[in-house]
């Protein structure tokens, strides 16, 4: 059975790889498995210095619509330059 502690540990390990590779300023965590971002921050702090942990945010409710709008804008830009989307 999945526990919140196990879920936080699994998500933190995934994020740790991305943080070390990409060094983002912020990460949107859209995971129903992790209800408390503070628990996730604490788990990440066991592996990284706190100053290296990016800001963790829950995405806004219309996040998927915003991503779609961005993808459409990028597609239109590529098509305007004569490239395939």
PDB file of N, CA and C in Angstrom:
ATOM      1  N   UNK A   1       0.850  -1.191   0.000  1.00  0.00           N
ATOM      2  CA  UNK A   1       0.000   0.000   0.000  1.00  0.00           C
ATOM      3  C   UNK A   1       0.893   1.252   0.000  1.00  0.00           C
ATOM      4  N   UNK A   2       0.485   2.239  -0.767  1.00  0.00           N
ATOM      5  CA  UNK A   2       1.228   3.487  -0.870  1.00  0.00           C
ATOM      6  C   UNK A   2       0.979   4.341   0.364  1.00  0.00           C
ATOM      7  N   UNK A   3       2.039   4.948   0.865  1.00  0.00           N
ATOM      8  CA  UNK A   3       1.908   5.878   1.978  1.00  0.00           C
ATOM      9  C   UNK A   3       2.378   7.250   1.513  1.00  0.00           C
ATOM     10  N   UNK A   4       1.958   8.282   2.212  1.00  0.00           N
ATOM     11  CA  UNK A   4       2.396   9.623   1.839  1.00  0.00           C
ATOM     12  C   UNK A   4       3.914   9.741   1.963  1.00  0.00           C
ATOM     13  N   UNK A   5       4.482   9.141   2.990  1.00  0.00           N
ATOM     14  CA  UNK A   5       5.931   9.192   3.185  1.00  0.00           C
ATOM     15  C   UNK A   5       6.668   8.522   2.023  1.00  0.00           C
ATOM     16  N   UNK A   6       6.176   7.369   1.595  1.00  0.00           N
ATOM     17  CA  UNK A   6       6.786   6.678   0.461  1.00  0.00           C
ATOM     18  C   UNK A   6       6.643   7.462  -0.826  1.00  0.00           C
ATOM     19  N   UNK A   7       5.488   8.083  -1.012  1.00  0.00           N
ATOM     20  CA  UNK A   7       5.257   8.899  -2.206  1.00  0.00           C
ATOM     21  C   UNK A   7       6.196  10.098  -2.233  1.00  0.00           C
ATOM     22  N   UNK A   8       6.337  10.760  -1.088  1.00  0.00           N
ATOM     23  CA  UNK A   8       7.226  11.921  -0.996  1.00  0.00           C
ATOM     24  C   UNK A   8       8.657  11.494  -1.308  1.00  0.00           C
ATOM     25  N   UNK A   9       9.074  10.352  -0.791  1.00  0.00           N
ATOM     26  CA  UNK A   9      10.429   9.862  -1.044  1.00  0.00           C
ATOM     27  C   UNK A   9      10.626   9.582  -2.538  1.00  0.00           C
ATOM     28  N   UNK A  10       9.653   8.945  -3.170  1.00  0.00           N
ATOM     29  CA  UNK A  10       9.770   8.612  -4.601  1.00  0.00           C
ATOM     30  C   UNK A  10       9.820   9.877  -5.458  1.00  0.00           C
ATOM     31  N   UNK A  11       8.932  10.827  -5.186  1.00  0.00           N
ATOM     32  CA  UNK A  11       8.907  12.073  -5.966  1.00  0.00           C
ATOM     33  C   UNK A  11      10.188  12.865  -5.732  1.00  0.00           C
ATOM     34  N   UNK A  12      10.683  12.875  -4.498  1.00  0.00           N
ATOM     35  CA  UNK A  12      11.912  13.629  -4.213  1.00  0.00           C
ATOM     36  C   UNK A  12      13.106  13.047  -4.956  1.00  0.00           C
ATOM     37  N   UNK A  13      13.172  11.731  -5.107  1.00  0.00           N
ATOM     38  CA  UNK A  13      14.281  11.116  -5.842  1.00  0.00           C
ATOM     39  C   UNK A  13      14.220  11.492  -7.321  1.00  0.00           C
ATOM     40  N   UNK A  14      13.027  11.522  -7.854  1.00  0.00           N
ATOM     41  CA  UNK A  14      12.859  11.937  -9.258  1.00  0.00           C
ATOM     42  C   UNK A  14      13.286  13.404  -9.421  1.00  0.00           C
ATOM     43  N   UNK A  15      12.807  14.271  -8.521  1.00  0.00           N
ATOM     44  CA  UNK A  15      13.145  15.687  -8.616  1.00  0.00           C
ATOM     45  C   UNK A  15      14.632  15.918  -8.400  1.00  0.00           C
ATOM     46  N   UNK A  16      15.242  15.139  -7.534  1.00  0.00           N
ATOM     47  CA  UNK A  16      16.662  15.286  -7.249  1.00  0.00           C
ATOM     48  C   UNK A  16      17.493  15.139  -8.523  1.00  0.00           C
ATOM     49  N   UNK A  17      17.156  14.163  -9.339  1.00  0.00           N
ATOM     50  CA  UNK A  17      17.869  13.972 -10.613  1.00  0.00           C
ATOM     51  C   UNK A  17      17.723  15.201 -11.502  1.00  0.00           C
ATOM     52  N   UNK A  18      16.517  15.741 -11.562  1.00  0.00           N
ATOM     53  CA  UNK A  18      16.278  16.916 -12.406  1.00  0.00           C
ATOM     54  C   UNK A  18      16.959  18.158 -11.851  1.00  0.00           C
ATOM     55  N   UNK A  19      16.916  18.330 -10.548  1.00  0.00           N
ATOM     56  CA  UNK A  19      17.542  19.501  -9.928  1.00  0.00           C
ATOM     57  C   UNK A  19      19.048  19.486 -10.186  1.00  0.00           C
ATOM     58  N   UNK A  20      19.665  18.331 -10.030  1.00  0.00           N
ATOM     59  CA  UNK A  20      21.118  18.220 -10.222  1.00  0.00           C
ATOM     60  C   UNK A  20      21.523  18.376 -11.685  1.00  0.00           C
ATOM     61  N   UNK A  21      20.637  18.008 -12.602  1.00  0.00           N
ATOM     62  CA  UNK A  21      20.955  18.072 -14.021  1.00  0.00           C
ATOM     63  C   UNK A  21      20.638  19.428 -14.623  1.00  0.00           C
ATOM     64  N   UNK A  22      19.480  19.985 -14.286  1.00  0.00           N
ATOM     65  CA  UNK A  22      18.978  21.189 -14.944  1.00  0.00           C
ATOM     66  C   UNK A  22      19.174  22.447 -14.102  1.00  0.00           C
ATOM     67  N   UNK A  23      19.186  22.325 -12.788  1.00  0.00           N
ATOM     68  CA  UNK A  23      19.291  23.456 -11.857  1.00  0.00           C
ATOM     69  C   UNK A  23      18.203  24.505 -12.103  1.00  0.00           C
ATOM     70  N   UNK A  24      16.925  24.104 -12.034  1.00  0.00           N
ATOM     71  CA  UNK A  24      15.837  25.060 -12.290  1.00  0.00           C
ATOM     72  C   UNK A  24      15.668  26.037 -11.129  1.00  0.00           C
ATOM     73  N   UNK A  25      15.059  27.184 -11.433  1.00  0.00           N
ATOM     74  CA  UNK A  25      14.741  28.167 -10.394  1.00  0.00           C
ATOM     75  C   UNK A  25      13.475  27.781  -9.643  1.00  0.00           C
ATOM     76  N   UNK A  26      12.570  27.096 -10.336  1.00  0.00           N
ATOM     77  CA  UNK A  26      11.300  26.677  -9.728  1.00  0.00           C
ATOM     78  C   UNK A  26      10.820  25.398 -10.406  1.00  0.00           C
ATOM     79  N   UNK A  27      10.054  24.627  -9.667  1.00  0.00           N
ATOM     80  CA  UNK A  27       9.471  23.401 -10.203  1.00  0.00           C
ATOM     81  C   UNK A  27       8.002  23.368  -9.810  1.00  0.00           C
ATOM     82  N   UNK A  28       7.144  23.128 -10.800  1.00  0.00           N
ATOM     83  CA  UNK A  28       5.730  22.899 -10.514  1.00  0.00           C
ATOM     84  C   UNK A  28       5.552  21.420 -10.216  1.00  0.00           C
ATOM     85  N   UNK A  29       5.005  21.127  -9.068  1.00  0.00           N
ATOM     86  CA  UNK A  29       4.782  19.745  -8.656  1.00  0.00           C
ATOM     87  C   UNK A  29       3.294  19.472  -8.760  1.00  0.00           C
ATOM     88  N   UNK A  30       2.903  18.820  -9.837  1.00  0.00           N
ATOM     89  CA  UNK A  30       1.498  18.486 -10.058  1.00  0.00           C
ATOM     90  C   UNK A  30       1.321  16.993  -9.800  1.00  0.00           C
ATOM     91  N   UNK A  31       1.403  16.620  -8.552  1.00  0.00           N
ATOM     92  CA  UNK A  31       1.298  15.207  -8.200  1.00  0.00           C
ATOM     93  C   UNK A  31       0.292  15.046  -7.072  1.00  0.00           C
ATOM     94  N   UNK A  32      -0.751  14.331  -7.359  1.00  0.00           N
ATOM     95  CA  UNK A  32      -1.753  14.073  -6.326  1.00  0.00           C
ATOM     96  C   UNK A  32      -1.154  13.242  -5.195  1.00  0.00           C
ATOM     97  N   UNK A  33      -0.045  12.561  -5.500  1.00  0.00           N
ATOM     98  CA  UNK A  33       0.592  11.722  -4.494  1.00  0.00           C
ATOM     99  C   UNK A  33       1.231  12.545  -3.380  1.00  0.00           C
ATOM    100  N   UNK A  34       1.595  13.790  -3.678  1.00  0.00           N
ATOM    101  CA  UNK A  34       2.269  14.639  -2.695  1.00  0.00           C
ATOM    102  C   UNK A  34       1.331  15.786  -2.336  1.00  0.00           C
ATOM    103  N   UNK A  35       0.747  15.716  -1.184  1.00  0.00           N
ATOM    104  CA  UNK A  35      -0.193  16.741  -0.773  1.00  0.00           C
ATOM    105  C   UNK A  35       0.468  17.924  -0.096  1.00  0.00           C
ATOM    106  N   UNK A  36       1.630  17.707   0.516  1.00  0.00           N
ATOM    107  CA  UNK A  36       2.278  18.748   1.300  1.00  0.00           C
ATOM    108  C   UNK A  36       3.670  19.022   0.735  1.00  0.00           C
ATOM    109  N   UNK A  37       3.831  20.180   0.123  1.00  0.00           N
ATOM    110  CA  UNK A  37       5.117  20.515  -0.477  1.00  0.00           C
ATOM    111  C   UNK A  37       6.204  20.711   0.568  1.00  0.00           C
ATOM    112  N   UNK A  38       5.824  21.059   1.783  1.00  0.00           N
ATOM    113  CA  UNK A  38       6.823  21.234   2.835  1.00  0.00           C
ATOM    114  C   UNK A  38       7.493  19.902   3.177  1.00  0.00           C
ATOM    115  N   UNK A  39       6.718  18.825   3.177  1.00  0.00           N
ATOM    116  CA  UNK A  39       7.310  17.497   3.388  1.00  0.00           C
ATOM    117  C   UNK A  39       8.297  17.165   2.277  1.00  0.00           C
ATOM    118  N   UNK A  40       7.945  17.536   1.061  1.00  0.00           N
ATOM    119  CA  UNK A  40       8.822  17.297  -0.082  1.00  0.00           C
ATOM    120  C   UNK A  40      10.105  18.117   0.052  1.00  0.00           C
ATOM    121  N   UNK A  41       9.994  19.378   0.476  1.00  0.00           N
ATOM    122  CA  UNK A  41      11.178  20.216   0.686  1.00  0.00           C
ATOM    123  C   UNK A  41      12.089  19.594   1.747  1.00  0.00           C
ATOM    124  N   UNK A  42      11.495  19.115   2.833  1.00  0.00           N
ATOM    125  CA  UNK A  42      12.275  18.510   3.912  1.00  0.00           C
ATOM    126  C   UNK A  42      13.002  17.260   3.423  1.00  0.00           C
ATOM    127  N   UNK A  43      12.335  16.457   2.616  1.00  0.00           N
ATOM    128  CA  UNK A  43      12.962  15.251   2.083  1.00  0.00           C
ATOM    129  C   UNK A  43      14.107  15.617   1.147  1.00  0.00           C
ATOM    130  N   UNK A  44      13.912  16.619   0.294  1.00  0.00           N
ATOM    131  CA  UNK A  44      14.987  17.066  -0.590  1.00  0.00           C
ATOM    132  C   UNK A  44      16.174  17.607   0.207  1.00  0.00           C
ATOM    133  N   UNK A  45      15.872  18.239   1.339  1.00  0.00           N
ATOM    134  CA  UNK A  45      16.929  18.816   2.177  1.00  0.00           C
ATOM    135  C   UNK A  45      17.814  17.744   2.806  1.00  0.00           C
ATOM    136  N   UNK A  46      17.359  16.500   2.818  1.00  0.00           N
ATOM    137  CA  UNK A  46      18.222  15.425   3.322  1.00  0.00           C
ATOM    138  C   UNK A  46      19.293  15.056   2.297  1.00  0.00           C
ATOM    139  N   UNK A  47      19.112  15.474   1.047  1.00  0.00           N
ATOM    140  CA  UNK A  47      20.043  15.133  -0.023  1.00  0.00           C
ATOM    141  C   UNK A  47      20.797  16.336  -0.594  1.00  0.00           C
ATOM    142  N   UNK A  48      20.232  17.527  -0.432  1.00  0.00           N
ATOM    143  CA  UNK A  48      20.812  18.746  -1.018  1.00  0.00           C
ATOM    144  C   UNK A  48      20.862  19.850   0.027  1.00  0.00           C
ATOM    145  N   UNK A  49      21.822  20.757  -0.088  1.00  0.00           N
ATOM    146  CA  UNK A  49      21.769  21.951   0.759  1.00  0.00           C
ATOM    147  C   UNK A  49      20.513  22.762   0.422  1.00  0.00           C
ATOM    148  N   UNK A  50      19.900  23.339   1.419  1.00  0.00           N
ATOM    149  CA  UNK A  50      18.638  24.069   1.223  1.00  0.00           C
ATOM    150  C   UNK A  50      18.751  25.176   0.172  1.00  0.00           C
ATOM    151  N   UNK A  51      19.907  25.810   0.067  1.00  0.00           N
ATOM    152  CA  UNK A  51      20.042  26.911  -0.897  1.00  0.00           C
ATOM    153  C   UNK A  51      20.028  26.422  -2.346  1.00  0.00           C
ATOM    154  N   UNK A  52      20.200  25.129  -2.560  1.00  0.00           N
ATOM    155  CA  UNK A  52      20.152  24.578  -3.913  1.00  0.00           C
ATOM    156  C   UNK A  52      18.774  24.039  -4.291  1.00  0.00           C
ATOM    157  N   UNK A  53      17.881  23.976  -3.333  1.00  0.00           N
ATOM    158  CA  UNK A  53      16.537  23.471  -3.618  1.00  0.00           C
ATOM    159  C   UNK A  53      15.725  24.589  -4.266  1.00  0.00           C
ATOM    160  N   UNK A  54      15.216  24.353  -5.476  1.00  0.00           N
ATOM    161  CA  UNK A  54      14.425  25.400  -6.145  1.00  0.00           C
ATOM    162  C   UNK A  54      13.071  25.582  -5.459  1.00  0.00           C
ATOM    163  N   UNK A  55      12.422  26.648  -5.815  1.00  0.00           N
ATOM    164  CA  UNK A  55      11.078  26.900  -5.298  1.00  0.00           C
ATOM    165  C   UNK A  55      10.142  25.808  -5.817  1.00  0.00           C
ATOM    166  N   UNK A  56       9.371  25.220  -4.911  1.00  0.00           N
ATOM    167  CA  UNK A  56       8.397  24.193  -5.289  1.00  0.00           C
ATOM    168  C   UNK A  56       7.009  24.813  -5.261  1.00  0.00           C
ATOM    169  N   UNK A  57       6.292  24.683  -6.367  1.00  0.00           N
ATOM    170  CA  UNK A  57       4.983  25.319  -6.509  1.00  0.00           C
ATOM    171  C   UNK A  57       3.952  24.312  -6.979  1.00  0.00           C
ATOM    172  N   UNK A  58       2.725  24.499  -6.541  1.00  0.00           N
ATOM    173  CA  UNK A  58       1.609  23.747  -7.103  1.00  0.00           C
ATOM    174  C   UNK A  58       1.120  24.543  -8.314  1.00  0.00           C
ATOM    175  N   UNK A  59       0.844  23.878  -9.413  1.00  0.00           N
ATOM    176  CA  UNK A  59       0.402  24.612 -10.609  1.00  0.00           C
ATOM    177  C   UNK A  59      -0.992  25.195 -10.415  1.00  0.00           C
ATOM    178  N   UNK A  60      -1.271  26.300 -11.112  1.00  0.00           N
ATOM    179  CA  UNK A  60      -2.630  26.853 -11.051  1.00  0.00           C
ATOM    180  C   UNK A  60      -3.626  25.882 -11.685  1.00  0.00           C
ATOM    181  N   UNK A  61      -4.877  26.065 -11.373  1.00  0.00           N
ATOM    182  CA  UNK A  61      -5.926  25.161 -11.861  1.00  0.00           C
ATOM    183  C   UNK A  61      -5.965  25.096 -13.388  1.00  0.00           C
ATOM    184  N   UNK A  62      -5.654  26.202 -14.056  1.00  0.00           N
ATOM    185  CA  UNK A  62      -5.718  26.230 -15.521  1.00  0.00           C
ATOM    186  C   UNK A  62      -4.347  25.989 -16.167  1.00  0.00           C
ATOM    187  N   UNK A  63      -3.472  25.309 -15.483  1.00  0.00           N
ATOM    188  CA  UNK A  63      -2.108  25.082 -15.950  1.00  0.00           C
ATOM    189  C   UNK A  63      -2.075  24.362 -17.299  1.00  0.00           C
ATOM    190  N   UNK A  64      -2.895  23.331 -17.457  1.00  0.00           N
ATOM    191  CA  UNK A  64      -2.912  22.586 -18.727  1.00  0.00           C
ATOM    192  C   UNK A  64      -3.340  23.478 -19.880  1.00  0.00           C
ATOM    193  N   UNK A  65      -4.301  24.363 -19.641  1.00  0.00           N
ATOM    194  CA  UNK A  65      -4.728  25.288 -20.689  1.00  0.00           C
ATOM    195  C   UNK A  65      -3.605  26.266 -21.040  1.00  0.00           C
ATOM    196  N   UNK A  66      -2.854  26.704 -20.027  1.00  0.00           N
ATOM    197  CA  UNK A  66      -1.733  27.611 -20.281  1.00  0.00           C
ATOM    198  C   UNK A  66      -0.641  26.910 -21.082  1.00  0.00           C
ATOM    199  N   UNK A  67      -0.376  25.640 -20.765  1.00  0.00           N
ATOM    200  CA  UNK A  67       0.623  24.884 -21.533  1.00  0.00           C
ATOM    201  C   UNK A  67       0.182  24.742 -22.975  1.00  0.00           C
ATOM    202  N   UNK A  68      -1.092  24.454 -23.194  1.00  0.00           N
ATOM    203  CA  UNK A  68      -1.603  24.308 -24.554  1.00  0.00           C
ATOM    204  C   UNK A  68      -1.453  25.616 -25.326  1.00  0.00           C
ATOM    205  N   UNK A  69      -1.776  26.730 -24.682  1.00  0.00           N
ATOM    206  CA  UNK A  69      -1.641  28.027 -25.352  1.00  0.00           C
ATOM    207  C   UNK A  69      -0.180  28.283 -25.729  1.00  0.00           C
ATOM    208  N   UNK A  70       0.754  27.945 -24.839  1.00  0.00           N
ATOM    209  CA  UNK A  70       2.178  28.108 -25.129  1.00  0.00           C
ATOM    210  C   UNK A  70       2.637  27.218 -26.269  1.00  0.00           C
ATOM    211  N   UNK A  71       2.162  25.974 -26.273  1.00  0.00           N
ATOM    212  CA  UNK A  71       2.520  25.055 -27.352  1.00  0.00           C
ATOM    213  C   UNK A  71       1.990  25.551 -28.687  1.00  0.00           C
ATOM    214  N   UNK A  72       0.773  26.074 -28.698  1.00  0.00           N
ATOM    215  CA  UNK A  72       0.200  26.604 -29.933  1.00  0.00           C
ATOM    216  C   UNK A  72       0.992  27.812 -30.432  1.00  0.00           C
ATOM    217  N   UNK A  73       1.418  28.673 -29.508  1.00  0.00           N
ATOM    218  CA  UNK A  73       2.204  29.850 -29.892  1.00  0.00           C
ATOM    219  C   UNK A  73       3.545  29.425 -30.486  1.00  0.00           C
ATOM    220  N   UNK A  74       4.210  28.443 -29.868  1.00  0.00           N
ATOM    221  CA  UNK A  74       5.479  27.950 -30.405  1.00  0.00           C
ATOM    222  C   UNK A  74       5.297  27.309 -31.776  1.00  0.00           C
ATOM    223  N   UNK A  75       4.227  26.574 -31.937  1.00  0.00           N
ATOM    224  CA  UNK A  75       3.925  25.937 -33.219  1.00  0.00           C
ATOM    225  C   UNK A  75       3.720  27.005 -34.302  1.00  0.00           C
ATOM    226  N   UNK A  76       2.966  28.053 -33.972  1.00  0.00           N
ATOM    227  CA  UNK A  76       2.723  29.134 -34.932  1.00  0.00           C
ATOM    228  C   UNK A  76       4.032  29.828 -35.314  1.00  0.00           C
ATOM    229  N   UNK A  77       4.933  30.017 -34.347  1.00  0.00           N
ATOM    230  CA  UNK A  77       6.230  30.639 -34.636  1.00  0.00           C
ATOM    231  C   UNK A  77       7.041  29.776 -35.595  1.00  0.00           C
ATOM    232  N   UNK A  78       7.062  28.481 -35.342  1.00  0.00           N
ATOM    233  CA  UNK A  78       7.830  27.582 -36.217  1.00  0.00           C
ATOM    234  C   UNK A  78       7.238  27.557 -37.621  1.00  0.00           C
ATOM    235  N   UNK A  79       5.921  27.551 -37.717  1.00  0.00           N
ATOM    236  CA  UNK A  79       5.277  27.529 -39.027  1.00  0.00           C
ATOM    237  C   UNK A  79       5.544  28.835 -39.777  1.00  0.00           C
ATOM    238  N   UNK A  80       5.582  29.960 -39.051  1.00  0.00           N
ATOM    239  CA  UNK A  80       5.862  31.245 -39.683  1.00  0.00           C
ATOM    240  C   UNK A  80       7.283  31.285 -40.252  1.00  0.00           C
ATOM    241  N   UNK A  81       8.192  30.513 -39.652  1.00  0.00           N
ATOM    242  CA  UNK A  81       9.568  30.451 -40.130  1.00  0.00           C
ATOM    243  C   UNK A  81       9.741  29.381 -41.203  1.00  0.00           C
ATOM    244  N   UNK A  82       8.638  28.731 -41.590  1.00  0.00           N
ATOM    245  CA  UNK A  82       8.696  27.741 -42.641  1.00  0.00           C
ATOM    246  C   UNK A  82       9.160  26.359 -42.188  1.00  0.00           C
ATOM    247  N   UNK A  83       9.144  26.137 -40.877  1.00  0.00           N
ATOM    248  CA  UNK A  83       9.550  24.821 -40.359  1.00  0.00           C
ATOM    249  C   UNK A  83       8.307  24.042 -39.929  1.00  0.00           C
ATOM    250  N   UNK A  84       8.469  22.767 -39.906  1.00  0.00           N
ATOM    251  CA  UNK A  84       7.365  21.925 -39.434  1.00  0.00           C
ATOM    252  C   UNK A  84       7.224  22.063 -37.929  1.00  0.00           C
ATOM    253  N   UNK A  85       5.989  22.000 -37.424  1.00  0.00           N
ATOM    254  CA  UNK A  85       5.792  22.117 -35.968  1.00  0.00           C
ATOM    255  C   UNK A  85       6.270  20.945 -35.226  1.00  0.00           C
TER     256      UNK A  85
END
